[in-house]
Full PDB file with SEQRES, HELIX, SHEET, SSBOND, CRYST1, ORIGX, SCALE, CONECT and MASTER records, all heavy atoms in Angstrom:
SEQRES   1 A   41  PHE ARG ASP PHE MET LEU TYR GLU LYS HIS VAL ILE ASN          
SEQRES   2 A   41  ALA SER ARG GLY LEU VAL ARG ARG VAL MET PRO GLY VAL          
SEQRES   3 A   41  PHE SER ILE ALA ARG VAL TYR GLU THR VAL LEU ARG ARG          
SEQRES   4 A   41  PRO PHE                                                      
HELIX    1 AA1 GLU A    8  VAL A   22  1                                  15    
HELIX    2 AA2 PRO A   24  LEU A   37  1                                  14    
CRYST1    1.000    1.000    1.000  90.00  90.00  90.00 P 1           1          
ORIGX1      1.000000  0.000000  0.000000        0.00000                         
ORIGX2      0.000000  1.000000  0.000000        0.00000                         
ORIGX3      0.000000  0.000000  1.000000        0.00000                         
SCALE1      1.000000  0.000000  0.000000        0.00000                         
SCALE2      0.000000  1.000000  0.000000        0.00000                         
SCALE3      0.000000  0.000000  1.000000        0.00000                         
ATOM      1  N   PHE A   1      17.726 -28.919  -3.947  1.00  0.00           N  
ATOM      2  CA  PHE A   1      18.233 -27.796  -4.720  1.00  0.00           C  
ATOM      3  C   PHE A   1      19.309 -27.079  -3.904  1.00  0.00           C  
ATOM      4  O   PHE A   1      19.011 -26.441  -2.903  1.00  0.00           O  
ATOM      5  CB  PHE A   1      17.089 -26.847  -5.065  1.00  0.00           C  
ATOM      6  CG  PHE A   1      17.498 -25.569  -5.761  1.00  0.00           C  
ATOM      7  CD1 PHE A   1      18.584 -25.539  -6.623  1.00  0.00           C  
ATOM      8  CD2 PHE A   1      16.782 -24.394  -5.557  1.00  0.00           C  
ATOM      9  CE1 PHE A   1      18.959 -24.358  -7.264  1.00  0.00           C  
ATOM     10  CE2 PHE A   1      17.141 -23.223  -6.193  1.00  0.00           C  
ATOM     11  CZ  PHE A   1      18.228 -23.195  -7.042  1.00  0.00           C  
ATOM     12  N   ARG A   2      20.558 -27.241  -4.332  1.00  0.00           N  
ATOM     13  CA  ARG A   2      21.652 -26.459  -3.760  1.00  0.00           C  
ATOM     14  C   ARG A   2      22.009 -25.362  -4.757  1.00  0.00           C  
ATOM     15  O   ARG A   2      22.168 -25.629  -5.939  1.00  0.00           O  
ATOM     16  CB  ARG A   2      22.900 -27.327  -3.522  1.00  0.00           C  
ATOM     17  CG  ARG A   2      22.791 -28.350  -2.403  1.00  0.00           C  
ATOM     18  CD  ARG A   2      24.060 -29.209  -2.437  1.00  0.00           C  
ATOM     19  NE  ARG A   2      24.162 -30.155  -1.360  1.00  0.00           N  
ATOM     20  CZ  ARG A   2      23.622 -31.377  -1.358  1.00  0.00           C  
ATOM     21  NH1 ARG A   2      22.917 -31.761  -2.407  1.00  0.00           N  
ATOM     22  NH2 ARG A   2      23.776 -32.193  -0.340  1.00  0.00           N  
ATOM     23  N   ASP A   3      22.169 -24.149  -4.251  1.00  0.00           N  
ATOM     24  CA  ASP A   3      22.474 -23.030  -5.133  1.00  0.00           C  
ATOM     25  C   ASP A   3      23.782 -22.375  -4.697  1.00  0.00           C  
ATOM     26  O   ASP A   3      23.881 -21.853  -3.577  1.00  0.00           O  
ATOM     27  CB  ASP A   3      21.335 -22.013  -5.110  1.00  0.00           C  
ATOM     28  CG  ASP A   3      21.343 -21.120  -6.335  1.00  0.00           C  
ATOM     29  OD1 ASP A   3      22.090 -21.416  -7.282  1.00  0.00           O  
ATOM     30  OD2 ASP A   3      20.598 -20.131  -6.351  1.00  0.00           O  
ATOM     31  N   PHE A   4      24.777 -22.415  -5.574  1.00  0.00           N  
ATOM     32  CA  PHE A   4      26.077 -21.831  -5.282  1.00  0.00           C  
ATOM     33  C   PHE A   4      26.062 -20.330  -5.586  1.00  0.00           C  
ATOM     34  O   PHE A   4      25.099 -19.790  -6.136  1.00  0.00           O  
ATOM     35  CB  PHE A   4      27.166 -22.520  -6.115  1.00  0.00           C  
ATOM     36  CG  PHE A   4      27.369 -23.954  -5.764  1.00  0.00           C  
ATOM     37  CD1 PHE A   4      26.796 -24.967  -6.533  1.00  0.00           C  
ATOM     38  CD2 PHE A   4      28.126 -24.316  -4.663  1.00  0.00           C  
ATOM     39  CE1 PHE A   4      26.977 -26.298  -6.211  1.00  0.00           C  
ATOM     40  CE2 PHE A   4      28.317 -25.644  -4.325  1.00  0.00           C  
ATOM     41  CZ  PHE A   4      27.749 -26.641  -5.107  1.00  0.00           C  
ATOM     42  N   MET A   5      27.149 -19.673  -5.218  1.00  0.00           N  
ATOM     43  CA  MET A   5      27.342 -18.262  -5.510  1.00  0.00           C  
ATOM     44  C   MET A   5      28.757 -18.128  -6.073  1.00  0.00           C  
ATOM     45  O   MET A   5      29.723 -17.928  -5.348  1.00  0.00           O  
ATOM     46  CB  MET A   5      27.169 -17.413  -4.243  1.00  0.00           C  
ATOM     47  CG  MET A   5      27.171 -15.926  -4.495  1.00  0.00           C  
ATOM     48  SD  MET A   5      26.663 -14.971  -3.031  1.00  0.00           S  
ATOM     49  CE  MET A   5      28.000 -15.336  -1.890  1.00  0.00           C  
ATOM     50  N   LEU A   6      28.876 -18.282  -7.415  1.00  0.00           N  
ATOM     51  CA  LEU A   6      30.189 -18.481  -8.032  1.00  0.00           C  
ATOM     52  C   LEU A   6      30.752 -17.239  -8.712  1.00  0.00           C  
ATOM     53  O   LEU A   6      31.891 -17.282  -9.182  1.00  0.00           O  
ATOM     54  CB  LEU A   6      30.105 -19.622  -9.059  1.00  0.00           C  
ATOM     55  CG  LEU A   6      29.658 -20.989  -8.513  1.00  0.00           C  
ATOM     56  CD1 LEU A   6      29.645 -22.024  -9.636  1.00  0.00           C  
ATOM     57  CD2 LEU A   6      30.566 -21.452  -7.379  1.00  0.00           C  
ATOM     58  N   TYR A   7      29.987 -16.138  -8.748  1.00  0.00           N  
ATOM     59  CA  TYR A   7      30.423 -14.983  -9.537  1.00  0.00           C  
ATOM     60  C   TYR A   7      30.629 -13.744  -8.653  1.00  0.00           C  
ATOM     61  O   TYR A   7      29.672 -13.173  -8.125  1.00  0.00           O  
ATOM     62  CB  TYR A   7      29.406 -14.686 -10.640  1.00  0.00           C  
ATOM     63  CG  TYR A   7      29.377 -15.757 -11.702  1.00  0.00           C  
ATOM     64  CD1 TYR A   7      28.500 -16.832 -11.605  1.00  0.00           C  
ATOM     65  CD2 TYR A   7      30.249 -15.703 -12.788  1.00  0.00           C  
ATOM     66  CE1 TYR A   7      28.482 -17.828 -12.571  1.00  0.00           C  
ATOM     67  CE2 TYR A   7      30.236 -16.704 -13.763  1.00  0.00           C  
ATOM     68  CZ  TYR A   7      29.354 -17.751 -13.637  1.00  0.00           C  
ATOM     69  OH  TYR A   7      29.339 -18.743 -14.603  1.00  0.00           O  
ATOM     70  N   GLU A   8      31.875 -13.340  -8.512  1.00  0.00           N  
ATOM     71  CA  GLU A   8      32.205 -12.177  -7.693  1.00  0.00           C  
ATOM     72  C   GLU A   8      31.537 -10.918  -8.231  1.00  0.00           C  
ATOM     73  O   GLU A   8      31.034 -10.084  -7.459  1.00  0.00           O  
ATOM     74  CB  GLU A   8      33.720 -11.981  -7.647  1.00  0.00           C  
ATOM     75  CG  GLU A   8      34.153 -10.789  -6.794  1.00  0.00           C  
ATOM     76  CD  GLU A   8      35.632 -10.495  -6.942  1.00  0.00           C  
ATOM     77  OE1 GLU A   8      36.114 -10.459  -8.102  1.00  0.00           O  
ATOM     78  OE2 GLU A   8      36.303 -10.289  -5.917  1.00  0.00           O  
ATOM     79  N   LYS A   9      31.541 -10.748  -9.533  1.00  0.00           N  
ATOM     80  CA  LYS A   9      30.982  -9.537 -10.133  1.00  0.00           C  
ATOM     81  C   LYS A   9      29.513  -9.388  -9.780  1.00  0.00           C  
ATOM     82  O   LYS A   9      29.033  -8.274  -9.510  1.00  0.00           O  
ATOM     83  CB  LYS A   9      31.176  -9.555 -11.649  1.00  0.00           C  
ATOM     84  CG  LYS A   9      30.759  -8.280 -12.347  1.00  0.00           C  
ATOM     85  CD  LYS A   9      31.080  -8.328 -13.840  1.00  0.00           C  
ATOM     86  CE  LYS A   9      30.670  -7.034 -14.541  1.00  0.00           C  
ATOM     87  NZ  LYS A   9      30.970  -7.090 -16.005  1.00  0.00           N  
ATOM     88  N   HIS A  10      28.769 -10.494  -9.768  1.00  0.00           N  
ATOM     89  CA  HIS A  10      27.361 -10.425  -9.375  1.00  0.00           C  
ATOM     90  C   HIS A  10      27.238 -10.001  -7.922  1.00  0.00           C  
ATOM     91  O   HIS A  10      26.389  -9.152  -7.588  1.00  0.00           O  
ATOM     92  CB  HIS A  10      26.661 -11.768  -9.564  1.00  0.00           C  
ATOM     93  CG  HIS A  10      25.386 -11.869  -8.776  1.00  0.00           C  
ATOM     94  ND1 HIS A  10      24.254 -11.161  -9.086  1.00  0.00           N  
ATOM     95  CD2 HIS A  10      25.101 -12.573  -7.638  1.00  0.00           C  
ATOM     96  CE1 HIS A  10      23.312 -11.432  -8.201  1.00  0.00           C  
ATOM     97  NE2 HIS A  10      23.797 -12.266  -7.312  1.00  0.00           N  
ATOM     98  N   VAL A  11      28.036 -10.576  -7.043  1.00  0.00           N  
ATOM     99  CA  VAL A  11      27.951 -10.239  -5.620  1.00  0.00           C  
ATOM    100  C   VAL A  11      28.176  -8.742  -5.420  1.00  0.00           C  
ATOM    101  O   VAL A  11      27.421  -8.068  -4.701  1.00  0.00           O  
ATOM    102  CB  VAL A  11      28.975 -11.049  -4.798  1.00  0.00           C  
ATOM    103  CG1 VAL A  11      28.934 -10.627  -3.326  1.00  0.00           C  
ATOM    104  CG2 VAL A  11      28.702 -12.544  -4.917  1.00  0.00           C  
ATOM    105  N   ILE A  12      29.189  -8.207  -6.063  1.00  0.00           N  
ATOM    106  CA  ILE A  12      29.515  -6.791  -5.920  1.00  0.00           C  
ATOM    107  C   ILE A  12      28.395  -5.916  -6.474  1.00  0.00           C  
ATOM    108  O   ILE A  12      27.922  -4.978  -5.815  1.00  0.00           O  
ATOM    109  CB  ILE A  12      30.854  -6.475  -6.619  1.00  0.00           C  
ATOM    110  CG1 ILE A  12      32.004  -7.178  -5.885  1.00  0.00           C  
ATOM    111  CG2 ILE A  12      31.092  -4.973  -6.674  1.00  0.00           C  
ATOM    112  CD1 ILE A  12      33.324  -7.115  -6.621  1.00  0.00           C  
ATOM    113  N   ASN A  13      27.943  -6.224  -7.686  1.00  0.00           N  
ATOM    114  CA  ASN A  13      26.912  -5.396  -8.315  1.00  0.00           C  
ATOM    115  C   ASN A  13      25.569  -5.491  -7.592  1.00  0.00           C  
ATOM    116  O   ASN A  13      24.852  -4.492  -7.453  1.00  0.00           O  
ATOM    117  CB  ASN A  13      26.745  -5.789  -9.776  1.00  0.00           C  
ATOM    118  CG  ASN A  13      27.937  -5.391 -10.629  1.00  0.00           C  
ATOM    119  OD1 ASN A  13      28.742  -4.557 -10.222  1.00  0.00           O  
ATOM    120  ND2 ASN A  13      28.050  -5.981 -11.806  1.00  0.00           N  
ATOM    121  N   ALA A  14      25.216  -6.695  -7.136  1.00  0.00           N  
ATOM    122  CA  ALA A  14      23.947  -6.862  -6.425  1.00  0.00           C  
ATOM    123  C   ALA A  14      23.997  -6.170  -5.068  1.00  0.00           C  
ATOM    124  O   ALA A  14      23.008  -5.547  -4.644  1.00  0.00           O  
ATOM    125  CB  ALA A  14      23.638  -8.343  -6.256  1.00  0.00           C  
ATOM    126  N   SER A  15      25.124  -6.273  -4.380  1.00  0.00           N  
ATOM    127  CA  SER A  15      25.263  -5.590  -3.087  1.00  0.00           C  
ATOM    128  C   SER A  15      25.158  -4.087  -3.275  1.00  0.00           C  
ATOM    129  O   SER A  15      24.474  -3.389  -2.509  1.00  0.00           O  
ATOM    130  CB  SER A  15      26.611  -5.947  -2.446  1.00  0.00           C  
ATOM    131  OG  SER A  15      26.706  -7.335  -2.203  1.00  0.00           O  
ATOM    132  N   ARG A  16      25.813  -3.579  -4.297  1.00  0.00           N  
ATOM    133  CA  ARG A  16      25.757  -2.145  -4.584  1.00  0.00           C  
ATOM    134  C   ARG A  16      24.320  -1.711  -4.899  1.00  0.00           C  
ATOM    135  O   ARG A  16      23.830  -0.688  -4.406  1.00  0.00           O  
ATOM    136  CB  ARG A  16      26.686  -1.809  -5.743  1.00  0.00           C  
ATOM    137  CG  ARG A  16      26.757  -0.308  -6.058  1.00  0.00           C  
ATOM    138  CD  ARG A  16      27.592  -0.039  -7.288  1.00  0.00           C  
ATOM    139  NE  ARG A  16      28.999  -0.379  -7.087  1.00  0.00           N  
ATOM    140  CZ  ARG A  16      29.662  -1.305  -7.789  1.00  0.00           C  
ATOM    141  NH1 ARG A  16      29.018  -1.995  -8.740  1.00  0.00           N  
ATOM    142  NH2 ARG A  16      30.933  -1.541  -7.562  1.00  0.00           N  
ATOM    143  N   GLY A  17      23.640  -2.493  -5.722  1.00  0.00           N  
ATOM    144  CA  GLY A  17      22.278  -2.142  -6.096  1.00  0.00           C  
ATOM    145  C   GLY A  17      21.316  -2.196  -4.931  1.00  0.00           C  
ATOM    146  O   GLY A  17      20.421  -1.354  -4.809  1.00  0.00           O  
ATOM    147  N   LEU A  18      21.492  -3.188  -4.055  1.00  0.00           N  
ATOM    148  CA  LEU A  18      20.606  -3.315  -2.903  1.00  0.00           C  
ATOM    149  C   LEU A  18      20.823  -2.161  -1.921  1.00  0.00           C  
ATOM    150  O   LEU A  18      19.866  -1.580  -1.404  1.00  0.00           O  
ATOM    151  CB  LEU A  18      20.843  -4.661  -2.217  1.00  0.00           C  
ATOM    152  CG  LEU A  18      19.859  -5.054  -1.120  1.00  0.00           C  
ATOM    153  CD1 LEU A  18      18.428  -5.102  -1.653  1.00  0.00           C  
ATOM    154  CD2 LEU A  18      20.239  -6.415  -0.531  1.00  0.00           C  
ATOM    155  N   VAL A  19      22.087  -1.826  -1.675  1.00  0.00           N  
ATOM    156  CA  VAL A  19      22.385  -0.714  -0.766  1.00  0.00           C  
ATOM    157  C   VAL A  19      21.865   0.601  -1.354  1.00  0.00           C  
ATOM    158  O   VAL A  19      21.325   1.451  -0.641  1.00  0.00           O  
ATOM    159  CB  VAL A  19      23.900  -0.642  -0.493  1.00  0.00           C  
ATOM    160  CG1 VAL A  19      24.283   0.667   0.191  1.00  0.00           C  
ATOM    161  CG2 VAL A  19      24.342  -1.823   0.368  1.00  0.00           C  
ATOM    162  N   ARG A  20      21.997   0.764  -2.656  1.00  0.00           N  
ATOM    163  CA  ARG A  20      21.476   1.974  -3.294  1.00  0.00           C  
ATOM    164  C   ARG A  20      19.976   2.127  -3.054  1.00  0.00           C  
ATOM    165  O   ARG A  20      19.474   3.236  -2.829  1.00  0.00           O  
ATOM    166  CB  ARG A  20      21.754   1.926  -4.800  1.00  0.00           C  
ATOM    167  CG  ARG A  20      21.219   3.147  -5.557  1.00  0.00           C  
ATOM    168  CD  ARG A  20      21.566   3.092  -7.042  1.00  0.00           C  
ATOM    169  NE  ARG A  20      20.992   1.945  -7.687  1.00  0.00           N  
ATOM    170  CZ  ARG A  20      21.693   1.019  -8.349  1.00  0.00           C  
ATOM    171  NH1 ARG A  20      23.003   1.120  -8.453  1.00  0.00           N  
ATOM    172  NH2 ARG A  20      21.082  -0.004  -8.919  1.00  0.00           N  
ATOM    173  N   ARG A  21      19.263   1.007  -3.040  1.00  0.00           N  
ATOM    174  CA  ARG A  21      17.808   1.065  -2.931  1.00  0.00           C  
ATOM    175  C   ARG A  21      17.325   1.174  -1.492  1.00  0.00           C  
ATOM    176  O   ARG A  21      16.348   1.889  -1.220  1.00  0.00           O  
ATOM    177  CB  ARG A  21      17.200  -0.175  -3.595  1.00  0.00           C  
ATOM    178  CG  ARG A  21      15.684  -0.199  -3.614  1.00  0.00           C  
ATOM    179  CD  ARG A  21      15.187  -1.321  -4.482  1.00  0.00           C  
ATOM    180  NE  ARG A  21      15.311  -0.992  -5.894  1.00  0.00           N  
ATOM    181  CZ  ARG A  21      14.337  -0.441  -6.616  1.00  0.00           C  
ATOM    182  NH1 ARG A  21      13.185  -0.119  -6.040  1.00  0.00           N  
ATOM    183  NH2 ARG A  21      14.514  -0.194  -7.890  1.00  0.00           N  
ATOM    184  N   VAL A  22      17.983   0.466  -0.554  1.00  0.00           N  
ATOM    185  CA  VAL A  22      17.438   0.406   0.814  1.00  0.00           C  
ATOM    186  C   VAL A  22      18.294   1.131   1.842  1.00  0.00           C  
ATOM    187  O   VAL A  22      17.843   1.333   2.971  1.00  0.00           O  
ATOM    188  CB  VAL A  22      17.224  -1.069   1.251  1.00  0.00           C  
ATOM    189  CG1 VAL A  22      16.298  -1.780   0.288  1.00  0.00           C  
ATOM    190  CG2 VAL A  22      18.542  -1.815   1.378  1.00  0.00           C  
ATOM    191  N   MET A  23      19.520   1.485   1.512  1.00  0.00           N  
ATOM    192  CA  MET A  23      20.392   2.202   2.443  1.00  0.00           C  
ATOM    193  C   MET A  23      21.060   3.369   1.717  1.00  0.00           C  
ATOM    194  O   MET A  23      22.280   3.372   1.495  1.00  0.00           O  
ATOM    195  CB  MET A  23      21.477   1.255   3.005  1.00  0.00           C  
ATOM    196  CG  MET A  23      20.953   0.034   3.711  1.00  0.00           C  
ATOM    197  SD  MET A  23      22.322  -1.067   4.213  1.00  0.00           S  
ATOM    198  CE  MET A  23      21.424  -2.455   4.882  1.00  0.00           C  
ATOM    199  N   PRO A  24      20.301   4.373   1.314  1.00  0.00           N  
ATOM    200  CA  PRO A  24      20.863   5.444   0.497  1.00  0.00           C  
ATOM    201  C   PRO A  24      22.003   6.204   1.157  1.00  0.00           C  
ATOM    202  O   PRO A  24      22.918   6.667   0.471  1.00  0.00           O  
ATOM    203  CB  PRO A  24      19.658   6.358   0.226  1.00  0.00           C  
ATOM    204  CG  PRO A  24      18.647   5.995   1.270  1.00  0.00           C  
ATOM    205  CD  PRO A  24      18.857   4.562   1.570  1.00  0.00           C  
ATOM    206  N   GLY A  25      21.975   6.341   2.491  1.00  0.00           N  
ATOM    207  CA  GLY A  25      23.068   7.017   3.181  1.00  0.00           C  
ATOM    208  C   GLY A  25      24.374   6.276   3.039  1.00  0.00           C  
ATOM    209  O   GLY A  25      25.434   6.871   2.758  1.00  0.00           O  
ATOM    210  N   VAL A  26      24.320   4.964   3.241  1.00  0.00           N  
ATOM    211  CA  VAL A  26      25.515   4.135   3.086  1.00  0.00           C  
ATOM    212  C   VAL A  26      25.981   4.146   1.635  1.00  0.00           C  
ATOM    213  O   VAL A  26      27.187   4.198   1.346  1.00  0.00           O  
ATOM    214  CB  VAL A  26      25.239   2.690   3.552  1.00  0.00           C  
ATOM    215  CG1 VAL A  26      26.442   1.788   3.269  1.00  0.00           C  
ATOM    216  CG2 VAL A  26      24.884   2.666   5.028  1.00  0.00           C  
ATOM    217  N   PHE A  27      25.024   4.136   0.708  1.00  0.00           N  
ATOM    218  CA  PHE A  27      25.393   4.145  -0.707  1.00  0.00           C  
ATOM    219  C   PHE A  27      26.156   5.413  -1.075  1.00  0.00           C  
ATOM    220  O   PHE A  27      27.106   5.365  -1.868  1.00  0.00           O  
ATOM    221  CB  PHE A  27      24.144   4.015  -1.577  1.00  0.00           C  
ATOM    222  CG  PHE A  27      24.436   4.092  -3.053  1.00  0.00           C  
ATOM    223  CD1 PHE A  27      25.078   3.056  -3.697  1.00  0.00           C  
ATOM    224  CD2 PHE A  27      24.082   5.217  -3.784  1.00  0.00           C  
ATOM    225  CE1 PHE A  27      25.368   3.126  -5.056  1.00  0.00           C  
ATOM    226  CE2 PHE A  27      24.356   5.295  -5.143  1.00  0.00           C  
ATOM    227  CZ  PHE A  27      25.005   4.250  -5.779  1.00  0.00           C  
ATOM    228  N   SER A  28      25.777   6.538  -0.510  1.00  0.00           N  
ATOM    229  CA  SER A  28      26.476   7.794  -0.807  1.00  0.00           C  
ATOM    230  C   SER A  28      27.935   7.717  -0.374  1.00  0.00           C  
ATOM    231  O   SER A  28      28.841   8.162  -1.093  1.00  0.00           O  
ATOM    232  CB  SER A  28      25.786   8.965  -0.100  1.00  0.00           C  
ATOM    233  OG  SER A  28      24.476   9.141  -0.590  1.00  0.00           O  
ATOM    234  N   ILE A  29      28.176   7.126   0.791  1.00  0.00           N  
ATOM    235  CA  ILE A  29      29.549   6.956   1.273  1.00  0.00           C  
ATOM    236  C   ILE A  29      30.310   5.999   0.358  1.00  0.00           C  
ATOM    237  O   ILE A  29      31.461   6.258  -0.027  1.00  0.00           O  
ATOM    238  CB  ILE A  29      29.547   6.429   2.720  1.00  0.00           C  
ATOM    239  CG1 ILE A  29      28.891   7.458   3.656  1.00  0.00           C  
ATOM    240  CG2 ILE A  29      30.960   6.089   3.187  1.00  0.00           C  
ATOM    241  CD1 ILE A  29      28.650   6.932   5.055  1.00  0.00           C  
ATOM    242  N   ALA A  30      29.666   4.886  -0.005  1.00  0.00           N  
ATOM    243  CA  ALA A  30      30.306   3.893  -0.861  1.00  0.00           C  
ATOM    244  C   ALA A  30      30.636   4.468  -2.230  1.00  0.00           C  
ATOM    245  O   ALA A  30      31.687   4.167  -2.812  1.00  0.00           O  
ATOM    246  CB  ALA A  30      29.405   2.665  -1.006  1.00  0.00           C  
ATOM    247  N   ARG A  31      29.762   5.295  -2.753  1.00  0.00           N  
ATOM    248  CA  ARG A  31      29.986   5.887  -4.067  1.00  0.00           C  
ATOM    249  C   ARG A  31      31.229   6.788  -4.049  1.00  0.00           C  
ATOM    250  O   ARG A  31      32.038   6.774  -4.991  1.00  0.00           O  
ATOM    251  CB  ARG A  31      28.764   6.673  -4.506  1.00  0.00           C  
ATOM    252  CG  ARG A  31      28.885   7.271  -5.902  1.00  0.00           C  
ATOM    253  CD  ARG A  31      27.569   7.798  -6.398  1.00  0.00           C  
ATOM    254  NE  ARG A  31      27.019   8.794  -5.468  1.00  0.00           N  
ATOM    255  CZ  ARG A  31      25.853   9.412  -5.673  1.00  0.00           C  
ATOM    256  NH1 ARG A  31      25.105   9.103  -6.722  1.00  0.00           N  
ATOM    257  NH2 ARG A  31      25.408  10.300  -4.802  1.00  0.00           N  
ATOM    258  N   VAL A  32      31.397   7.573  -2.983  1.00  0.00           N  
ATOM    259  CA  VAL A  32      32.591   8.416  -2.861  1.00  0.00           C  
ATOM    260  C   VAL A  32      33.841   7.545  -2.769  1.00  0.00           C  
ATOM    261  O   VAL A  32      34.856   7.814  -3.436  1.00  0.00           O  
ATOM    262  CB  VAL A  32      32.480   9.330  -1.624  1.00  0.00           C  
ATOM    263  CG1 VAL A  32      33.804  10.064  -1.376  1.00  0.00           C  
ATOM    264  CG2 VAL A  32      31.342  10.326  -1.805  1.00  0.00           C  
ATOM    265  N   TYR A  33      33.772   6.485  -1.963  1.00  0.00           N  
ATOM    266  CA  TYR A  33      34.890   5.549  -1.804  1.00  0.00           C  
ATOM    267  C   TYR A  33      35.297   4.978  -3.160  1.00  0.00           C  
ATOM    268  O   TYR A  33      36.482   4.972  -3.516  1.00  0.00           O  
ATOM    269  CB  TYR A  33      34.476   4.435  -0.849  1.00  0.00           C  
ATOM    270  CG  TYR A  33      35.477   3.322  -0.654  1.00  0.00           C  
ATOM    271  CD1 TYR A  33      36.305   3.284   0.455  1.00  0.00           C  
ATOM    272  CD2 TYR A  33      35.573   2.274  -1.573  1.00  0.00           C  
ATOM    273  CE1 TYR A  33      37.214   2.243   0.649  1.00  0.00           C  
ATOM    274  CE2 TYR A  33      36.473   1.231  -1.403  1.00  0.00           C  
ATOM    275  CZ  TYR A  33      37.285   1.230  -0.284  1.00  0.00           C  
ATOM    276  OH  TYR A  33      38.181   0.193  -0.115  1.00  0.00           O  
ATOM    277  N   GLU A  34      34.333   4.503  -3.933  1.00  0.00           N  
ATOM    278  CA  GLU A  34      34.636   3.864  -5.210  1.00  0.00           C  
ATOM    279  C   GLU A  34      35.131   4.869  -6.236  1.00  0.00           C  
ATOM    280  O   GLU A  34      35.978   4.547  -7.079  1.00  0.00           O  
ATOM    281  CB  GLU A  34      33.400   3.124  -5.725  1.00  0.00           C  
ATOM    282  CG  GLU A  34      33.008   1.935  -4.850  1.00  0.00           C  
ATOM    283  CD  GLU A  34      31.904   1.086  -5.439  1.00  0.00           C  
ATOM    284  OE1 GLU A  34      31.032   1.619  -6.157  1.00  0.00           O  
ATOM    285  OE2 GLU A  34      31.915  -0.143  -5.188  1.00  0.00           O  
ATOM    286  N   THR A  35      34.607   6.075  -6.184  1.00  0.00           N  
ATOM    287  CA  THR A  35      35.037   7.101  -7.133  1.00  0.00           C  
ATOM    288  C   THR A  35      36.482   7.513  -6.875  1.00  0.00           C  
ATOM    289  O   THR A  35      37.281   7.655  -7.815  1.00  0.00           O  
ATOM    290  CB  THR A  35      34.123   8.332  -7.039  1.00  0.00           C  
ATOM    291  OG1 THR A  35      32.782   7.950  -7.345  1.00  0.00           O  
ATOM    292  CG2 THR A  35      34.578   9.418  -8.008  1.00  0.00           C  
ATOM    293  N   VAL A  36      36.826   7.682  -5.609  1.00  0.00           N  
ATOM    294  CA  VAL A  36      38.169   8.144  -5.257  1.00  0.00           C  
ATOM    295  C   VAL A  36      39.204   7.032  -5.433  1.00  0.00           C  
ATOM    296  O   VAL A  36      40.279   7.243  -6.016  1.00  0.00           O  
ATOM    297  CB  VAL A  36      38.193   8.685  -3.811  1.00  0.00           C  
ATOM    298  CG1 VAL A  36      39.635   8.983  -3.375  1.00  0.00           C  
ATOM    299  CG2 VAL A  36      37.333   9.930  -3.694  1.00  0.00           C  
ATOM    300  N   LEU A  37      38.895   5.846  -4.930  1.00  0.00           N  
ATOM    301  CA  LEU A  37      39.875   4.752  -4.925  1.00  0.00           C  
ATOM    302  C   LEU A  37      39.802   3.869  -6.164  1.00  0.00           C  
ATOM    303  O   LEU A  37      40.686   3.031  -6.381  1.00  0.00           O  
ATOM    304  CB  LEU A  37      39.698   3.900  -3.672  1.00  0.00           C  
ATOM    305  CG  LEU A  37      39.932   4.619  -2.338  1.00  0.00           C  
ATOM    306  CD1 LEU A  37      39.755   3.659  -1.171  1.00  0.00           C  
ATOM    307  CD2 LEU A  37      41.317   5.258  -2.289  1.00  0.00           C  
ATOM    308  N   ARG A  38      38.754   4.014  -6.957  1.00  0.00           N  
ATOM    309  CA  ARG A  38      38.586   3.253  -8.197  1.00  0.00           C  
ATOM    310  C   ARG A  38      38.637   1.736  -7.978  1.00  0.00           C  
ATOM    311  O   ARG A  38      39.260   0.997  -8.730  1.00  0.00           O  
ATOM    312  CB  ARG A  38      39.639   3.672  -9.235  1.00  0.00           C  
ATOM    313  CG  ARG A  38      39.537   5.128  -9.652  1.00  0.00           C  
ATOM    314  CD  ARG A  38      40.589   5.495 -10.682  1.00  0.00           C  
ATOM    315  NE  ARG A  38      40.497   6.891 -11.058  1.00  0.00           N  
ATOM    316  CZ  ARG A  38      39.685   7.379 -11.993  1.00  0.00           C  
ATOM    317  NH1 ARG A  38      38.888   6.552 -12.643  1.00  0.00           N  
ATOM    318  NH2 ARG A  38      39.667   8.665 -12.267  1.00  0.00           N  
ATOM    319  N   ARG A  39      37.992   1.324  -6.925  1.00  0.00           N  
ATOM    320  CA  ARG A  39      37.841  -0.110  -6.663  1.00  0.00           C  
ATOM    321  C   ARG A  39      36.540  -0.323  -5.895  1.00  0.00           C  
ATOM    322  O   ARG A  39      36.016   0.616  -5.288  1.00  0.00           O  
ATOM    323  CB  ARG A  39      39.029  -0.672  -5.892  1.00  0.00           C  
ATOM    324  CG  ARG A  39      39.247  -0.110  -4.503  1.00  0.00           C  
ATOM    325  CD  ARG A  39      40.359  -0.906  -3.809  1.00  0.00           C  
ATOM    326  NE  ARG A  39      40.605  -0.447  -2.457  1.00  0.00           N  
ATOM    327  CZ  ARG A  39      41.571   0.369  -2.104  1.00  0.00           C  
ATOM    328  NH1 ARG A  39      42.406   0.843  -3.024  1.00  0.00           N  
ATOM    329  NH2 ARG A  39      41.725   0.723  -0.833  1.00  0.00           N  
ATOM    330  N   PRO A  40      36.003  -1.544  -5.901  1.00  0.00           N  
ATOM    331  CA  PRO A  40      34.726  -1.781  -5.225  1.00  0.00           C  
ATOM    332  C   PRO A  40      34.806  -1.489  -3.731  1.00  0.00           C  
ATOM    333  O   PRO A  40      35.822  -1.760  -3.085  1.00  0.00           O  
ATOM    334  CB  PRO A  40      34.449  -3.271  -5.485  1.00  0.00           C  
ATOM    335  CG  PRO A  40      35.230  -3.594  -6.714  1.00  0.00           C  
ATOM    336  CD  PRO A  40      36.461  -2.743  -6.631  1.00  0.00           C  
ATOM    337  N   PHE A  41      33.735  -0.941  -3.200  1.00  0.00           N  
ATOM    338  CA  PHE A  41      33.595  -0.741  -1.761  1.00  0.00           C  
ATOM    339  C   PHE A  41      33.774  -2.093  -1.076  1.00  0.00           C  
ATOM    340  O   PHE A  41      33.204  -3.094  -1.480  1.00  0.00           O  
ATOM    341  CB  PHE A  41      32.217  -0.155  -1.473  1.00  0.00           C  
ATOM    342  CG  PHE A  41      31.992   0.264  -0.057  1.00  0.00           C  
ATOM    343  CD1 PHE A  41      32.817   1.188   0.555  1.00  0.00           C  
ATOM    344  CD2 PHE A  41      30.922  -0.255   0.663  1.00  0.00           C  
ATOM    345  CE1 PHE A  41      32.587   1.598   1.875  1.00  0.00           C  
ATOM    346  CE2 PHE A  41      30.685   0.134   1.967  1.00  0.00           C  
ATOM    347  CZ  PHE A  41      31.525   1.062   2.583  1.00  0.00           C  
TER     348      PHE A  41                                                      
MASTER        0    0    0    2    0    0    0    6  347    1    0    4          
END                                                                             
């Protein structure tokens, strides 16, 4: 079983969701970054 990772949108959303859950301090910084610059952290 080889499993690829072919979808950028999933990587971004999953990374954001994981950081939100386990690294709330980092998520707060990332949220400001994304709000101001309007692009993914």
